[in-house]
Amino acid sequence: MAQVDIMIGGRNYQLACRDGDENRLRFLADIVDKEVAKVSEQLHVAGDIRRLMLASLLLADQNEDIKSEASDAESQNQQLQQQKDQLTESLKLCQEKLKMEQEEKERLAVLIEDYAERMENIVNRLDDEAQAS
């Protein structure tokens, strides 16, 4: 276990933490110290315990707001993912329908060509019969 000296509200504290977590603990202590200083300046609260308590409550409130925003963002992300999935499925269905329509057009084009050829043959036979008579 590592020992870390921190300062919050003008007071020194020595805390133990896991090896390697020293910088993180100093960083967090700096956040708390800044919040205590803000409480002291803005609210003119007397007493270390009161300043620490108010700073802690403000930080807890900010933390809850962030959690709520994260939860809302996750919910919105899930809704967007569902919309994306629905749109992807709709696109797939439209592409399949377009392919089927294209195949139908090609089939009809072949039939029209076949009918045109038949009609041409009929006309040629009629012309031949008319010339022969």
N, C-alpha and C. Protein backbone atom coordinates (compact mmCIF):
# COMPACT_ATOMS: atom_id res chain seq x y z
N MET A 1 0.83 -1.18 0.00
CA MET A 1 0.00 0.00 0.00
C MET A 1 0.88 1.25 0.00
N ALA A 2 0.46 2.19 -0.82
CA ALA A 2 1.21 3.46 -0.89
C ALA A 2 0.57 4.47 0.05
N GLN A 3 1.37 5.40 0.51
CA GLN A 3 0.90 6.49 1.35
C GLN A 3 0.97 7.78 0.52
N VAL A 4 -0.11 8.55 0.57
CA VAL A 4 -0.18 9.79 -0.21
C VAL A 4 -0.56 10.93 0.71
N ASP A 5 0.17 12.03 0.59
CA ASP A 5 -0.17 13.25 1.34
C ASP A 5 -1.01 14.13 0.42
N ILE A 6 -2.17 14.52 0.92
CA ILE A 6 -3.05 15.40 0.15
C ILE A 6 -3.43 16.59 1.01
N MET A 7 -3.94 17.64 0.35
CA MET A 7 -4.40 18.80 1.09
C MET A 7 -5.81 19.13 0.61
N ILE A 8 -6.73 19.22 1.56
CA ILE A 8 -8.11 19.60 1.27
C ILE A 8 -8.52 20.66 2.29
N GLY A 9 -8.99 21.77 1.76
CA GLY A 9 -9.44 22.84 2.64
C GLY A 9 -8.36 23.41 3.52
N GLY A 10 -7.14 23.38 3.04
CA GLY A 10 -6.03 23.93 3.83
C GLY A 10 -5.48 22.98 4.87
N ARG A 11 -5.99 21.77 4.93
CA ARG A 11 -5.50 20.78 5.90
C ARG A 11 -4.83 19.63 5.16
N ASN A 12 -3.77 19.14 5.77
CA ASN A 12 -3.05 18.00 5.22
C ASN A 12 -3.63 16.70 5.75
N TYR A 13 -3.70 15.72 4.85
CA TYR A 13 -4.17 14.38 5.22
C TYR A 13 -3.22 13.37 4.59
N GLN A 14 -3.03 12.29 5.29
CA GLN A 14 -2.24 11.20 4.73
C GLN A 14 -3.19 10.02 4.54
N LEU A 15 -3.25 9.54 3.30
CA LEU A 15 -4.16 8.44 2.97
C LEU A 15 -3.39 7.29 2.34
N ALA A 16 -3.90 6.11 2.54
CA ALA A 16 -3.32 4.92 1.93
C ALA A 16 -4.12 4.59 0.67
N CYS A 17 -3.42 4.10 -0.33
CA CYS A 17 -4.09 3.67 -1.56
C CYS A 17 -3.27 2.55 -2.18
N ARG A 18 -3.85 1.90 -3.15
CA ARG A 18 -3.13 0.84 -3.85
C ARG A 18 -1.94 1.44 -4.59
N ASP A 19 -0.89 0.65 -4.68
CA ASP A 19 0.27 1.09 -5.44
C ASP A 19 -0.16 1.40 -6.87
N GLY A 20 0.28 2.54 -7.36
CA GLY A 20 -0.07 2.95 -8.72
C GLY A 20 -1.26 3.89 -8.78
N ASP A 21 -2.01 4.00 -7.69
CA ASP A 21 -3.19 4.87 -7.65
C ASP A 21 -2.89 6.24 -7.05
N GLU A 22 -1.63 6.51 -6.75
CA GLU A 22 -1.27 7.75 -6.06
C GLU A 22 -1.69 9.00 -6.87
N ASN A 23 -1.40 9.03 -8.15
CA ASN A 23 -1.74 10.20 -8.96
C ASN A 23 -3.24 10.38 -9.07
N ARG A 24 -3.95 9.29 -9.17
CA ARG A 24 -5.42 9.38 -9.25
C ARG A 24 -5.97 9.95 -7.94
N LEU A 25 -5.45 9.51 -6.80
CA LEU A 25 -5.91 10.00 -5.51
C LEU A 25 -5.60 11.50 -5.37
N ARG A 26 -4.43 11.92 -5.81
CA ARG A 26 -4.09 13.35 -5.76
C ARG A 26 -5.04 14.15 -6.66
N PHE A 27 -5.32 13.62 -7.82
CA PHE A 27 -6.24 14.28 -8.76
C PHE A 27 -7.62 14.45 -8.14
N LEU A 28 -8.15 13.38 -7.53
CA LEU A 28 -9.46 13.44 -6.89
C LEU A 28 -9.46 14.40 -5.70
N ALA A 29 -8.38 14.37 -4.93
CA ALA A 29 -8.27 15.28 -3.78
C ALA A 29 -8.27 16.73 -4.26
N ASP A 30 -7.64 16.98 -5.40
CA ASP A 30 -7.63 18.34 -5.96
C ASP A 30 -9.04 18.79 -6.33
N ILE A 31 -9.83 17.88 -6.88
CA ILE A 31 -11.22 18.21 -7.21
C ILE A 31 -12.00 18.57 -5.95
N VAL A 32 -11.83 17.76 -4.91
CA VAL A 32 -12.53 18.02 -3.64
C VAL A 32 -12.04 19.34 -3.04
N ASP A 33 -10.75 19.57 -3.08
CA ASP A 33 -10.20 20.81 -2.53
C ASP A 33 -10.78 22.03 -3.26
N LYS A 34 -10.87 21.97 -4.56
CA LYS A 34 -11.43 23.08 -5.33
C LYS A 34 -12.90 23.30 -4.97
N GLU A 35 -13.63 22.21 -4.77
CA GLU A 35 -15.05 22.33 -4.40
C GLU A 35 -15.19 22.92 -3.00
N VAL A 36 -14.32 22.52 -2.08
CA VAL A 36 -14.34 23.09 -0.73
C VAL A 36 -14.04 24.58 -0.79
N ALA A 37 -13.07 24.97 -1.61
CA ALA A 37 -12.72 26.39 -1.76
C ALA A 37 -13.90 27.16 -2.35
N LYS A 38 -14.59 26.57 -3.32
CA LYS A 38 -15.75 27.23 -3.92
C LYS A 38 -16.85 27.41 -2.89
N VAL A 39 -17.10 26.39 -2.09
CA VAL A 39 -18.12 26.48 -1.03
C VAL A 39 -17.74 27.57 -0.04
N SER A 40 -16.47 27.62 0.33
CA SER A 40 -16.00 28.63 1.29
C SER A 40 -16.19 30.03 0.75
N GLU A 41 -15.89 30.24 -0.54
CA GLU A 41 -15.98 31.57 -1.14
C GLU A 41 -17.43 31.99 -1.37
N GLN A 42 -18.23 31.06 -1.91
CA GLN A 42 -19.58 31.43 -2.32
C GLN A 42 -20.57 31.44 -1.18
N LEU A 43 -20.42 30.53 -0.24
CA LEU A 43 -21.43 30.38 0.80
C LEU A 43 -20.95 30.88 2.16
N HIS A 44 -19.70 31.21 2.27
CA HIS A 44 -19.13 31.71 3.52
C HIS A 44 -19.49 30.80 4.70
N VAL A 45 -19.26 29.51 4.49
CA VAL A 45 -19.58 28.52 5.53
C VAL A 45 -18.40 28.41 6.49
N ALA A 46 -18.70 28.42 7.75
CA ALA A 46 -17.66 28.26 8.77
C ALA A 46 -17.57 26.79 9.18
N GLY A 47 -16.40 26.37 9.51
CA GLY A 47 -16.20 25.01 10.00
C GLY A 47 -15.80 24.06 8.88
N ASP A 48 -14.71 23.34 9.15
CA ASP A 48 -14.18 22.41 8.14
C ASP A 48 -15.17 21.31 7.79
N ILE A 49 -15.83 20.80 8.81
CA ILE A 49 -16.75 19.68 8.56
C ILE A 49 -17.91 20.13 7.68
N ARG A 50 -18.46 21.30 7.94
CA ARG A 50 -19.56 21.82 7.12
C ARG A 50 -19.12 22.06 5.68
N ARG A 51 -17.94 22.64 5.52
CA ARG A 51 -17.44 22.88 4.15
C ARG A 51 -17.25 21.57 3.42
N LEU A 52 -16.65 20.59 4.09
CA LEU A 52 -16.45 19.27 3.47
C LEU A 52 -17.78 18.60 3.15
N MET A 53 -18.73 18.73 4.09
CA MET A 53 -20.05 18.12 3.87
C MET A 53 -20.73 18.76 2.67
N LEU A 54 -20.76 20.08 2.59
CA LEU A 54 -21.41 20.76 1.47
C LEU A 54 -20.70 20.47 0.16
N ALA A 55 -19.37 20.46 0.19
CA ALA A 55 -18.62 20.13 -1.02
C ALA A 55 -18.93 18.70 -1.47
N SER A 56 -19.01 17.80 -0.51
CA SER A 56 -19.33 16.41 -0.82
C SER A 56 -20.73 16.29 -1.42
N LEU A 57 -21.68 17.01 -0.84
CA LEU A 57 -23.05 16.97 -1.37
C LEU A 57 -23.12 17.55 -2.78
N LEU A 58 -22.41 18.65 -3.01
CA LEU A 58 -22.40 19.23 -4.36
C LEU A 58 -21.76 18.29 -5.37
N LEU A 59 -20.67 17.65 -4.98
CA LEU A 59 -20.02 16.69 -5.89
C LEU A 59 -20.92 15.47 -6.13
N ALA A 60 -21.60 15.02 -5.08
CA ALA A 60 -22.53 13.89 -5.23
C ALA A 60 -23.68 14.28 -6.17
N ASP A 61 -24.16 15.52 -6.04
CA ASP A 61 -25.23 16.01 -6.91
C ASP A 61 -24.76 16.04 -8.36
N GLN A 62 -23.56 16.56 -8.58
CA GLN A 62 -23.00 16.58 -9.94
C GLN A 62 -22.85 15.17 -10.48
N ASN A 63 -22.40 14.27 -9.64
CA ASN A 63 -22.24 12.87 -10.04
C ASN A 63 -23.57 12.26 -10.45
N GLU A 64 -24.62 12.52 -9.68
CA GLU A 64 -25.95 11.99 -10.01
C GLU A 64 -26.48 12.59 -11.32
N ASP A 65 -26.23 13.89 -11.52
CA ASP A 65 -26.63 14.52 -12.78
C ASP A 65 -25.93 13.85 -13.97
N ILE A 66 -24.65 13.59 -13.81
CA ILE A 66 -23.88 12.95 -14.88
C ILE A 66 -24.40 11.53 -15.13
N LYS A 67 -24.70 10.80 -14.07
CA LYS A 67 -25.26 9.45 -14.22
C LYS A 67 -26.59 9.51 -14.95
N SER A 68 -27.42 10.48 -14.58
CA SER A 68 -28.73 10.62 -15.22
C SER A 68 -28.57 10.95 -16.70
N GLU A 69 -27.65 11.87 -17.01
CA GLU A 69 -27.40 12.23 -18.41
C GLU A 69 -26.86 11.03 -19.18
N ALA A 70 -26.00 10.26 -18.55
CA ALA A 70 -25.44 9.07 -19.20
C ALA A 70 -26.55 8.04 -19.45
N SER A 71 -27.44 7.89 -18.49
CA SER A 71 -28.56 6.97 -18.65
C SER A 71 -29.48 7.43 -19.78
N ASP A 72 -29.76 8.74 -19.81
CA ASP A 72 -30.59 9.29 -20.89
C ASP A 72 -29.91 9.09 -22.24
N ALA A 73 -28.61 9.32 -22.29
CA ALA A 73 -27.87 9.14 -23.54
C ALA A 73 -27.89 7.67 -23.97
N GLU A 74 -27.77 6.77 -23.03
CA GLU A 74 -27.82 5.33 -23.34
C GLU A 74 -29.19 4.95 -23.88
N SER A 75 -30.23 5.48 -23.24
CA SER A 75 -31.59 5.22 -23.69
C SER A 75 -31.80 5.76 -25.10
N GLN A 76 -31.33 6.97 -25.33
CA GLN A 76 -31.45 7.57 -26.67
C GLN A 76 -30.65 6.77 -27.68
N ASN A 77 -29.49 6.30 -27.27
CA ASN A 77 -28.66 5.49 -28.15
C ASN A 77 -29.39 4.19 -28.54
N GLN A 78 -30.06 3.58 -27.58
CA GLN A 78 -30.82 2.36 -27.86
C GLN A 78 -31.96 2.64 -28.83
N GLN A 79 -32.65 3.76 -28.63
CA GLN A 79 -33.74 4.13 -29.54
C GLN A 79 -33.20 4.36 -30.95
N LEU A 80 -32.08 5.07 -31.04
CA LEU A 80 -31.48 5.32 -32.35
C LEU A 80 -31.03 4.01 -33.02
N GLN A 81 -30.51 3.10 -32.21
CA GLN A 81 -30.09 1.80 -32.75
C GLN A 81 -31.30 1.03 -33.29
N GLN A 82 -32.42 1.08 -32.56
CA GLN A 82 -33.64 0.42 -33.03
C GLN A 82 -34.13 1.06 -34.33
N GLN A 83 -34.09 2.38 -34.40
CA GLN A 83 -34.50 3.07 -35.62
C GLN A 83 -33.58 2.69 -36.77
N LYS A 84 -32.29 2.63 -36.50
CA LYS A 84 -31.32 2.23 -37.53
C LYS A 84 -31.63 0.82 -38.02
N ASP A 85 -31.89 -0.09 -37.08
CA ASP A 85 -32.21 -1.47 -37.46
C ASP A 85 -33.48 -1.53 -38.32
N GLN A 86 -34.49 -0.74 -37.93
CA GLN A 86 -35.74 -0.71 -38.71
C GLN A 86 -35.50 -0.14 -40.10
N LEU A 87 -34.72 0.92 -40.18
CA LEU A 87 -34.42 1.52 -41.48
C LEU A 87 -33.59 0.57 -42.35
N THR A 88 -32.68 -0.13 -41.73
CA THR A 88 -31.87 -1.11 -42.46
C THR A 88 -32.76 -2.21 -43.03
N GLU A 89 -33.69 -2.68 -42.22
CA GLU A 89 -34.63 -3.72 -42.68
C GLU A 89 -35.51 -3.18 -43.80
N SER A 90 -36.00 -1.94 -43.66
CA SER A 90 -36.83 -1.34 -44.70
C SER A 90 -36.03 -1.19 -46.00
N LEU A 91 -34.79 -0.77 -45.88
CA LEU A 91 -33.95 -0.64 -47.06
C LEU A 91 -33.75 -1.99 -47.74
N LYS A 92 -33.53 -3.00 -46.95
CA LYS A 92 -33.35 -4.36 -47.49
C LYS A 92 -34.60 -4.80 -48.25
N LEU A 93 -35.77 -4.55 -47.65
CA LEU A 93 -37.03 -4.92 -48.31
C LEU A 93 -37.23 -4.14 -49.61
N CYS A 94 -36.89 -2.85 -49.59
CA CYS A 94 -37.01 -2.02 -50.79
C CYS A 94 -36.06 -2.50 -51.88
N GLN A 95 -34.87 -2.89 -51.50
CA GLN A 95 -33.91 -3.39 -52.48
C GLN A 95 -34.40 -4.71 -53.10
N GLU A 96 -34.98 -5.57 -52.26
CA GLU A 96 -35.53 -6.83 -52.77
C GLU A 96 -36.69 -6.56 -53.72
N LYS A 97 -37.56 -5.62 -53.34
CA LYS A 97 -38.70 -5.28 -54.19
C LYS A 97 -38.22 -4.69 -55.52
N LEU A 98 -37.23 -3.82 -55.46
CA LEU A 98 -36.68 -3.23 -56.67
C LEU A 98 -36.08 -4.30 -57.57
N LYS A 99 -35.40 -5.25 -56.99
CA LYS A 99 -34.81 -6.35 -57.76
C LYS A 99 -35.91 -7.17 -58.43
N MET A 100 -36.97 -7.45 -57.68
CA MET A 100 -38.09 -8.23 -58.24
C MET A 100 -38.75 -7.45 -59.38
N GLU A 101 -38.93 -6.14 -59.21
CA GLU A 101 -39.54 -5.32 -60.25
C GLU A 101 -38.66 -5.29 -61.49
N GLN A 102 -37.35 -5.21 -61.29
CA GLN A 102 -36.42 -5.21 -62.42
C GLN A 102 -36.50 -6.54 -63.16
N GLU A 103 -36.54 -7.64 -62.40
CA GLU A 103 -36.66 -8.95 -63.03
C GLU A 103 -37.97 -9.07 -63.81
N GLU A 104 -39.05 -8.51 -63.24
CA GLU A 104 -40.35 -8.53 -63.93
C GLU A 104 -40.29 -7.71 -65.21
N LYS A 105 -39.62 -6.54 -65.17
CA LYS A 105 -39.48 -5.72 -66.38
C LYS A 105 -38.71 -6.48 -67.45
N GLU A 106 -37.65 -7.15 -67.04
CA GLU A 106 -36.86 -7.94 -68.00
C GLU A 106 -37.69 -9.07 -68.59
N ARG A 107 -38.48 -9.73 -67.76
CA ARG A 107 -39.33 -10.82 -68.25
C ARG A 107 -40.37 -10.28 -69.23
N LEU A 108 -40.96 -9.12 -68.91
CA LEU A 108 -41.94 -8.51 -69.80
C LEU A 108 -41.29 -8.06 -71.11
N ALA A 109 -40.07 -7.57 -71.03
CA ALA A 109 -39.36 -7.16 -72.25
C ALA A 109 -39.15 -8.34 -73.17
N VAL A 110 -38.81 -9.49 -72.61
CA VAL A 110 -38.63 -10.71 -73.41
C VAL A 110 -39.96 -11.11 -74.04
N LEU A 111 -41.05 -11.05 -73.27
CA LEU A 111 -42.37 -11.40 -73.81
C LEU A 111 -42.77 -10.44 -74.94
N ILE A 112 -42.52 -9.17 -74.78
CA ILE A 112 -42.87 -8.18 -75.81
C ILE A 112 -42.07 -8.48 -77.08
N GLU A 113 -40.78 -8.77 -76.91
CA GLU A 113 -39.96 -9.11 -78.08
C GLU A 113 -40.51 -10.36 -78.77
N ASP A 114 -40.91 -11.33 -77.98
CA ASP A 114 -41.47 -12.58 -78.54
C ASP A 114 -42.77 -12.28 -79.30
N TYR A 115 -43.66 -11.47 -78.69
CA TYR A 115 -44.91 -11.11 -79.37
C TYR A 115 -44.65 -10.30 -80.63
N ALA A 116 -43.68 -9.41 -80.57
CA ALA A 116 -43.34 -8.60 -81.74
C ALA A 116 -42.85 -9.50 -82.87
N GLU A 117 -42.05 -10.49 -82.52
CA GLU A 117 -41.54 -11.43 -83.52
C GLU A 117 -42.67 -12.25 -84.11
N ARG A 118 -43.59 -12.69 -83.26
CA ARG A 118 -44.76 -13.45 -83.75
C ARG A 118 -45.61 -12.60 -84.71
N MET A 119 -45.83 -11.35 -84.28
CA MET A 119 -46.64 -10.45 -85.13
C MET A 119 -45.95 -10.21 -86.46
N GLU A 120 -44.65 -10.07 -86.44
CA GLU A 120 -43.91 -9.87 -87.68
C GLU A 120 -44.03 -11.10 -88.57
N ASN A 121 -43.98 -12.27 -87.97
CA ASN A 121 -44.13 -13.51 -88.75
C ASN A 121 -45.53 -13.60 -89.37
N ILE A 122 -46.55 -13.19 -88.58
CA ILE A 122 -47.92 -13.23 -89.09
C ILE A 122 -48.06 -12.26 -90.27
N VAL A 123 -47.51 -11.06 -90.09
CA VAL A 123 -47.57 -10.06 -91.16
C VAL A 123 -46.85 -10.58 -92.41
N ASN A 124 -45.70 -11.19 -92.24
CA ASN A 124 -44.95 -11.72 -93.38
C ASN A 124 -45.74 -12.83 -94.08
N ARG A 125 -46.38 -13.70 -93.29
CA ARG A 125 -47.20 -14.77 -93.91
C ARG A 125 -48.37 -14.18 -94.69
N LEU A 126 -49.01 -13.18 -94.08
CA LEU A 126 -50.13 -12.54 -94.77
C LEU A 126 -49.68 -11.88 -96.05
N ASP A 127 -48.50 -11.25 -96.02
CA ASP A 127 -47.96 -10.62 -97.23
C ASP A 127 -47.64 -11.68 -98.27
N ASP A 128 -47.06 -12.78 -97.83
CA ASP A 128 -46.75 -13.88 -98.77
C ASP A 128 -48.01 -14.44 -99.38
N GLU A 129 -49.05 -14.63 -98.54
CA GLU A 129 -50.32 -15.17 -99.06
C GLU A 129 -50.99 -14.19 -100.02
N ALA A 130 -50.86 -12.90 -99.70
CA ALA A 130 -51.48 -11.88 -100.56
C ALA A 130 -50.76 -11.82 -101.91
N GLN A 131 -49.45 -11.99 -101.90
CA GLN A 131 -48.68 -11.95 -103.15
C GLN A 131 -48.91 -13.22 -103.95
N ALA A 132 -49.14 -14.31 -103.28
CA ALA A 132 -49.33 -15.59 -103.97
C ALA A 132 -50.71 -15.64 -104.60
N SER A 133 -51.66 -14.89 -104.15
CA SER A 133 -52.99 -14.98 -104.72
C SER A 133 -53.19 -14.05 -105.85
